[in-house]
Protein backbone atom coordinates (compact mmCIF):
# COMPACT_ATOMS: atom_id res chain seq x y z
CA UNK A 1 -78.30 187.49 247.93
CA UNK A 2 -76.64 184.73 249.74
CA UNK A 3 -75.78 185.81 253.63
CA UNK A 4 -73.36 184.85 255.75
CA UNK A 5 -75.89 183.19 258.31
CA UNK A 6 -77.16 181.03 255.77
CA UNK A 7 -74.75 179.35 254.93
CA UNK A 8 -72.97 179.24 258.52
CA UNK A 9 -75.92 177.49 259.02
CA UNK A 10 -75.84 175.05 254.87
CA UNK A 11 -72.11 174.07 255.93
CA UNK A 12 -72.82 173.47 260.02
CA UNK A 13 -75.73 171.04 258.86
CA UNK A 14 -73.66 169.65 256.43
CA UNK A 15 -70.10 168.91 258.12
CA UNK A 16 -70.65 169.81 261.44
CA UNK A 17 -68.71 172.29 261.71
CA UNK A 18 -68.23 176.15 261.62
CA UNK A 19 -66.89 177.46 257.96
CA UNK A 20 -62.68 179.80 258.29
CA UNK A 21 -63.44 182.76 257.44
CA UNK A 22 -61.78 182.42 253.57
CA UNK A 23 -64.23 179.99 252.78
CA UNK A 24 -67.40 181.52 254.13
CA UNK A 25 -66.09 184.84 252.11
CA UNK A 26 -65.33 182.90 248.68
CA UNK A 27 -69.20 181.04 249.04
CA UNK A 28 -70.90 184.74 249.60
CA UNK A 29 -68.60 187.04 247.60
CA UNK A 30 -67.60 184.99 245.31
CA UNK A 31 -68.82 181.95 244.32
CA UNK A 32 -71.97 183.77 241.79
CA UNK A 33 -74.48 180.21 243.58
CA UNK A 34 -77.49 181.19 245.12
CA UNK A 35 -78.29 179.54 248.68
CA UNK A 36 -79.29 175.75 246.68
CA UNK A 37 -76.04 175.45 244.83
CA UNK A 38 -73.89 176.14 246.88
CA UNK A 39 -75.40 173.51 248.73
CA UNK A 40 -75.59 171.42 245.50
CA UNK A 41 -71.83 171.95 246.08
CA UNK A 42 -71.27 171.18 249.12
CA UNK A 43 -73.71 168.02 248.41
CA UNK A 44 -70.24 167.22 245.72
CA UNK A 45 -67.46 167.27 248.17
CA UNK A 46 -65.94 163.55 249.51
CA UNK A 47 -66.18 164.89 252.66
CA UNK A 48 -70.28 164.82 252.63
């Protein structure tokens, strides 16, 4: 199970800012991805 804390750390490390509440909730509760899958999705974004 992916924790909010893990996603927050990953988000800050990747984007240098905190995630918004709705986005954080999506990644933790609805994405169905592992922390590795979430990380890959972050790195696939144009912003990164």
